[in-house]
Amino acid sequence: MDPNLLPEVDSLPDGFVDTEEANRITTNNPTGDVSIEKTKKPRTFPVPLCEEETDGNEDDLSKVSSLEQKEPSQTSSLQGSSQNSNKETESTQSIELRKQEAVETERKTSKNMFKSEQDFLELMLKYQQVVSERDSAITVRDKLESLCRELQRQNKMLMEESKRVSTEGQSLRSDLSTKFQEAIKKFQQFQDALVKSNEVFETFKQEIDKMSKAIKELRKENAFLKSKTERSDFTLVELVEERERLKKLLEKTKNQKDKLESLCRFLQAQAESKNSLNSSHSAAAQA
């Protein structure tokens, strides 16, 4: 038997009757009045005290009826004995005493019967109360069973839903883990590329610094060369002017030289002519 399943409604404990039997009893007595005749109907619950009391009441009734049947015979015998003889007064007194005892017994019996009926009525009322409580308990049990079945159904649905959600969550976690690993790889690649780019940028920065220094030096050298070129231009202009001046001076000097050379030739020619004349005169003189 499955422990999760609830017991059926028909499986009642001992000492209880079915709902149909209880309804049949309540429909037979709708007003709640209980009579002695209904005790003869079969009951499905144990009421030993009521049965004993009803048996005792039936015995008392039989005794009272026998006493009532004997009472006329006793009175007739008393009347006969009073007419026959006055000696039977003692028996008459004893009969009167018996009659009083019978009346007292009948009164006690009636009182006991009334008390038994009251007790029986109380027991029947208690039985009706127990039956109504049993019916309400059965109703509550049926409601609880239906509620438990509904809760079991909802629990099963919740288990299936939780299983589905767990499966979806597991797949989602695996997808997220895969995407996270891919993102980590991409970030690692990006970080490596960033490191490389930083290295390249650092290299470019160093080269830019070197180029900046070289440009500064070149600018300085350019400025120096520019100033030197300007000085060279000025010197060149001076040299050109000096060349022109020297050229003019050279031409002047050349002209003077030519004049001096012509003058020297002329003077030399005169000296030679004089020497020749002198030699001729001397030779002539010697001769």
Protein backbone atom coordinates (compact mmCIF):
# COMPACT_ATOMS: atom_id res chain seq x y z
CA MET A 1 0.00 0.00 0.00
CA ASP A 2 1.33 3.41 -0.96
CA PRO A 3 1.95 5.51 2.18
CA ASN A 4 1.25 8.68 0.23
CA LEU A 5 -2.31 7.60 -0.58
CA LEU A 6 -5.06 8.48 1.88
CA PRO A 7 -7.50 5.87 3.27
CA GLU A 8 -10.82 5.43 1.57
CA VAL A 9 -14.00 6.87 3.03
CA ASP A 10 -15.56 3.42 3.51
CA SER A 11 -12.75 2.26 5.78
CA LEU A 12 -14.28 3.30 9.13
CA PRO A 13 -13.09 2.23 12.58
CA ASP A 14 -15.01 -0.17 14.80
CA GLY A 15 -18.04 1.19 16.63
CA PHE A 16 -19.15 3.50 13.78
CA VAL A 17 -21.78 3.07 11.10
CA ASP A 18 -21.94 4.26 7.55
CA THR A 19 -23.32 7.66 6.69
CA GLU A 20 -26.31 6.08 4.90
CA GLU A 21 -27.26 4.09 8.03
CA ALA A 22 -26.93 7.22 10.18
CA ASN A 23 -29.05 9.20 7.74
CA ARG A 24 -31.66 6.41 7.76
CA ILE A 25 -31.83 6.56 11.55
CA THR A 26 -32.10 10.37 11.58
CA THR A 27 -34.81 10.33 8.89
CA ASN A 28 -36.81 7.79 10.88
CA ASN A 29 -36.73 10.21 13.85
CA PRO A 30 -36.76 13.77 12.35
CA THR A 31 -38.20 15.53 15.42
CA GLY A 32 -35.74 14.08 17.89
CA ASP A 33 -38.44 12.22 19.94
CA VAL A 34 -37.31 8.80 21.00
CA SER A 35 -39.72 6.01 21.98
CA ILE A 36 -39.18 2.66 23.60
CA GLU A 37 -40.23 0.83 20.44
CA LYS A 38 -37.22 2.14 18.51
CA THR A 39 -34.93 0.23 20.82
CA LYS A 40 -36.06 -2.93 19.07
CA LYS A 41 -34.49 -1.75 15.79
CA PRO A 42 -31.01 -2.98 15.09
CA ARG A 43 -28.30 -0.55 16.12
CA THR A 44 -24.81 -0.60 14.81
CA PHE A 45 -23.14 0.83 17.91
CA PRO A 46 -22.71 -0.88 21.27
CA VAL A 47 -25.18 0.32 23.93
CA PRO A 48 -25.03 -2.41 26.58
CA LEU A 49 -26.29 -0.21 29.42
CA CYS A 50 -29.47 0.74 27.59
CA GLU A 51 -30.26 -2.87 26.73
CA GLU A 52 -29.78 -3.98 30.33
CA GLU A 53 -32.01 -1.19 31.58
CA THR A 54 -34.69 -1.94 29.00
CA ASP A 55 -34.56 -5.65 29.97
CA GLY A 56 -34.95 -4.69 33.63
CA ASN A 57 -37.86 -2.41 32.74
CA GLU A 58 -39.60 -5.21 30.82
CA ASP A 59 -39.21 -7.51 33.87
CA ASP A 60 -40.71 -4.82 36.12
CA LEU A 61 -43.62 -4.37 33.71
CA SER A 62 -44.29 -8.11 33.70
CA LYS A 63 -44.23 -8.14 37.50
CA VAL A 64 -46.64 -5.19 37.70
CA SER A 65 -49.04 -6.79 35.21
CA SER A 66 -48.99 -10.06 37.18
CA LEU A 67 -49.69 -8.14 40.36
CA GLU A 68 -52.57 -6.31 38.69
CA GLN A 69 -54.00 -9.64 37.49
CA LYS A 70 -53.68 -11.09 40.99
CA GLU A 71 -55.20 -8.03 42.60
CA PRO A 72 -58.90 -8.75 41.66
CA SER A 73 -58.55 -12.36 42.77
CA GLN A 74 -57.09 -11.22 46.06
CA THR A 75 -59.88 -8.69 46.60
CA SER A 76 -62.52 -11.32 45.75
CA SER A 77 -60.91 -13.77 48.13
CA LEU A 78 -60.84 -11.10 50.82
CA GLN A 79 -64.51 -10.34 50.29
CA GLY A 80 -65.35 -14.05 50.43
CA SER A 81 -63.32 -14.55 53.55
CA SER A 82 -64.89 -11.50 55.26
CA GLN A 83 -68.36 -12.90 54.55
CA ASN A 84 -67.48 -16.40 55.69
CA SER A 85 -65.60 -15.61 58.87
CA ASN A 86 -64.12 -12.81 60.91
CA LYS A 87 -61.14 -14.97 61.71
CA GLU A 88 -59.47 -14.12 58.43
CA THR A 89 -58.77 -10.48 59.32
CA GLU A 90 -55.14 -11.22 59.72
CA SER A 91 -54.97 -12.60 56.20
CA THR A 92 -56.83 -9.52 54.98
CA GLN A 93 -54.35 -7.27 56.71
CA SER A 94 -51.52 -9.25 55.20
CA ILE A 95 -53.17 -8.90 51.79
CA GLU A 96 -53.51 -5.16 52.35
CA LEU A 97 -49.90 -5.02 53.28
CA ARG A 98 -49.01 -7.00 50.15
CA LYS A 99 -51.21 -4.69 48.13
CA GLN A 100 -49.47 -1.66 49.58
CA GLU A 101 -46.14 -3.32 48.89
CA ALA A 102 -47.28 -4.05 45.34
CA VAL A 103 -48.39 -0.44 44.90
CA GLU A 104 -45.10 0.73 46.34
CA THR A 105 -43.28 -1.70 44.09
CA GLU A 106 -45.31 -0.46 41.11
CA ARG A 107 -44.56 3.13 42.03
CA LYS A 108 -40.88 2.33 42.35
CA THR A 109 -41.04 0.38 39.12
CA SER A 110 -42.74 3.30 37.36
CA LYS A 111 -40.18 5.63 38.82
CA ASN A 112 -37.39 3.31 37.72
CA MET A 113 -38.99 3.02 34.28
CA PHE A 114 -39.28 6.80 34.03
CA LYS A 115 -35.70 7.14 35.13
CA SER A 116 -34.66 4.42 32.69
CA GLU A 117 -36.58 6.17 29.91
CA GLN A 118 -34.87 9.43 30.82
CA ASP A 119 -31.52 7.68 30.84
CA PHE A 120 -32.37 6.03 27.55
CA LEU A 121 -33.44 9.37 26.10
CA GLU A 122 -30.21 10.92 27.33
CA LEU A 123 -28.29 8.03 25.83
CA MET A 124 -30.18 8.41 22.56
CA LEU A 125 -29.51 12.14 22.59
CA LYS A 126 -25.87 11.43 23.30
CA TYR A 127 -25.97 8.85 20.52
CA GLN A 128 -27.49 11.41 18.15
CA GLN A 129 -24.85 13.88 19.25
CA VAL A 130 -22.13 11.29 18.73
CA VAL A 131 -23.62 10.42 15.33
CA SER A 132 -23.77 14.09 14.35
CA GLU A 133 -20.21 14.56 15.60
CA ARG A 134 -19.25 11.40 13.72
CA ASP A 135 -20.95 12.75 10.59
CA SER A 136 -19.25 16.12 10.99
CA ALA A 137 -15.96 14.29 11.62
CA ILE A 138 -16.57 12.19 8.49
CA THR A 139 -17.38 15.37 6.57
CA VAL A 140 -14.25 17.03 7.91
CA ARG A 141 -12.28 13.89 7.12
CA ASP A 142 -13.68 13.82 3.58
CA LYS A 143 -12.81 17.48 3.19
CA LEU A 144 -9.36 16.83 4.62
CA GLU A 145 -8.92 13.84 2.30
CA SER A 146 -9.99 15.89 -0.70
CA LEU A 147 -7.76 18.70 0.52
CA CYS A 148 -4.88 16.26 0.98
CA ARG A 149 -5.45 14.83 -2.50
CA GLU A 150 -5.53 18.35 -3.86
CA LEU A 151 -2.38 19.16 -1.92
CA GLN A 152 -0.76 15.98 -3.26
CA ARG A 153 -1.76 16.98 -6.77
CA GLN A 154 -0.46 20.49 -6.26
CA ASN A 155 2.67 19.08 -4.62
CA LYS A 156 3.19 16.84 -7.64
CA MET A 157 2.66 19.81 -9.94
CA LEU A 158 5.08 21.86 -7.85
CA MET A 159 7.63 19.03 -7.93
CA GLU A 160 7.30 18.80 -11.71
CA GLU A 161 7.48 22.58 -12.00
CA SER A 162 10.50 22.73 -9.69
CA LYS A 163 12.12 19.91 -11.68
CA ARG A 164 11.43 21.77 -14.91
CA VAL A 165 12.70 25.03 -13.44
CA SER A 166 15.76 23.20 -12.09
CA THR A 167 16.43 21.70 -15.52
CA GLU A 168 15.97 25.07 -17.19
CA GLY A 169 18.14 26.69 -14.51
CA GLN A 170 20.83 24.04 -15.04
CA SER A 171 20.77 24.59 -18.80
CA LEU A 172 20.74 28.34 -18.25
CA ARG A 173 23.66 28.05 -15.84
CA SER A 174 25.58 25.93 -18.34
CA ASP A 175 24.84 28.44 -21.12
CA LEU A 176 25.84 31.32 -18.88
CA SER A 177 28.98 29.44 -17.85
CA THR A 178 29.87 28.84 -21.51
CA LYS A 179 29.19 32.47 -22.38
CA PHE A 180 31.16 33.56 -19.33
CA GLN A 181 34.12 31.39 -20.35
CA GLU A 182 33.93 32.81 -23.87
CA ALA A 183 33.74 36.33 -22.43
CA ILE A 184 36.76 35.55 -20.24
CA LYS A 185 38.66 34.30 -23.30
CA LYS A 186 37.67 37.38 -25.28
CA PHE A 187 38.65 39.60 -22.36
CA GLN A 188 41.96 37.77 -22.09
CA GLN A 189 42.51 38.26 -25.81
CA PHE A 190 41.50 41.90 -25.46
CA GLN A 191 43.85 42.27 -22.50
CA ASP A 192 46.68 40.65 -24.48
CA ALA A 193 45.93 42.93 -27.42
CA LEU A 194 45.80 45.88 -25.04
CA VAL A 195 49.15 44.88 -23.56
CA LYS A 196 50.60 44.56 -27.06
CA SER A 197 49.07 47.88 -28.06
CA ASN A 198 50.48 49.42 -24.89
CA GLU A 199 53.88 48.01 -25.78
CA VAL A 200 53.55 49.34 -29.33
CA PHE A 201 52.33 52.65 -27.96
CA GLU A 202 55.25 52.74 -25.57
CA THR A 203 57.59 51.97 -28.47
CA PHE A 204 55.93 54.67 -30.56
CA LYS A 205 56.16 57.03 -27.61
CA GLN A 206 59.86 56.32 -27.24
CA GLU A 207 60.36 56.77 -30.97
CA ILE A 208 58.30 59.96 -30.85
CA ASP A 209 60.45 61.19 -27.98
CA LYS A 210 63.57 60.31 -29.96
CA MET A 211 62.16 62.00 -33.03
CA SER A 212 61.18 65.01 -30.95
CA LYS A 213 64.72 65.23 -29.60
CA ALA A 214 66.10 64.75 -33.12
CA ILE A 215 63.74 67.42 -34.44
CA LYS A 216 64.86 69.77 -31.68
CA GLU A 217 68.49 69.07 -32.53
CA LEU A 218 67.76 69.45 -36.23
CA ARG A 219 65.98 72.70 -35.51
CA LYS A 220 68.96 73.89 -33.54
CA GLU A 221 71.30 72.76 -36.30
CA ASN A 222 69.03 74.35 -38.90
CA ALA A 223 69.05 77.58 -36.97
CA PHE A 224 72.82 77.35 -36.65
CA LEU A 225 73.19 76.55 -40.35
CA LYS A 226 70.76 79.28 -41.20
CA SER A 227 72.74 81.77 -39.17
CA LYS A 228 75.93 80.37 -40.65
CA THR A 229 74.43 80.61 -44.13
CA GLU A 230 73.44 84.17 -43.45
CA ARG A 231 76.97 84.89 -42.28
CA SER A 232 78.33 83.03 -45.31
CA ASP A 233 76.11 85.09 -47.59
CA PHE A 234 77.35 88.24 -45.93
CA THR A 235 80.93 87.01 -46.20
CA LEU A 236 80.33 85.99 -49.80
CA VAL A 237 78.99 89.42 -50.56
CA GLU A 238 82.05 90.89 -48.93
CA LEU A 239 84.25 88.47 -50.87
CA VAL A 240 82.51 89.40 -54.11
CA GLU A 241 82.98 93.05 -53.34
CA GLU A 242 86.59 92.37 -52.38
CA ARG A 243 87.03 90.41 -55.61
CA GLU A 244 85.62 93.24 -57.62
CA ARG A 245 87.88 95.65 -55.79
CA LEU A 246 90.85 93.35 -56.25
CA LYS A 247 89.95 92.84 -59.89
CA LYS A 248 89.88 96.55 -60.41
CA LEU A 249 93.10 96.84 -58.47
CA LEU A 250 94.58 94.04 -60.57
CA GLU A 251 93.60 95.74 -63.76
CA LYS A 252 95.03 98.97 -62.49
CA THR A 253 98.17 97.21 -61.39
CA LYS A 254 98.37 95.43 -64.74
CA ASN A 255 98.03 98.68 -66.53
CA GLN A 256 100.73 100.16 -64.36
CA LYS A 257 102.87 97.08 -65.01
CA ASP A 258 102.37 97.39 -68.72
CA LYS A 259 103.30 101.01 -68.54
CA LEU A 260 106.32 100.24 -66.39
CA GLU A 261 107.37 97.41 -68.71
CA SER A 262 107.09 99.66 -71.73
CA LEU A 263 108.97 102.29 -69.86
CA CYS A 264 111.62 99.77 -68.83
CA ARG A 265 112.01 98.59 -72.42
CA PHE A 266 112.26 102.11 -73.52
CA LEU A 267 114.83 102.92 -70.89
CA GLN A 268 116.68 99.69 -71.60
CA ALA A 269 116.72 100.49 -75.26
CA GLN A 270 118.06 103.95 -74.48
CA ALA A 271 120.67 102.42 -72.17
CA GLU A 272 121.70 99.94 -74.81
CA SER A 273 121.90 102.65 -77.38
CA LYS A 274 123.98 104.74 -75.03
CA ASN A 275 126.23 101.81 -74.25
CA SER A 276 126.72 101.11 -77.92
CA LEU A 277 127.53 104.69 -78.53
CA ASN A 278 129.91 104.79 -75.63
CA SER A 279 131.63 101.60 -76.78
CA SER A 280 131.94 102.93 -80.26
CA HIS A 281 133.39 106.17 -78.99
CA SER A 282 135.76 104.28 -76.72
CA ALA A 283 136.81 101.97 -79.53
CA ALA A 284 137.27 104.90 -81.71
CA ALA A 285 139.18 106.61 -79.09
CA GLN A 286 141.49 103.70 -78.65
CA ALA A 287 141.96 103.35 -82.19
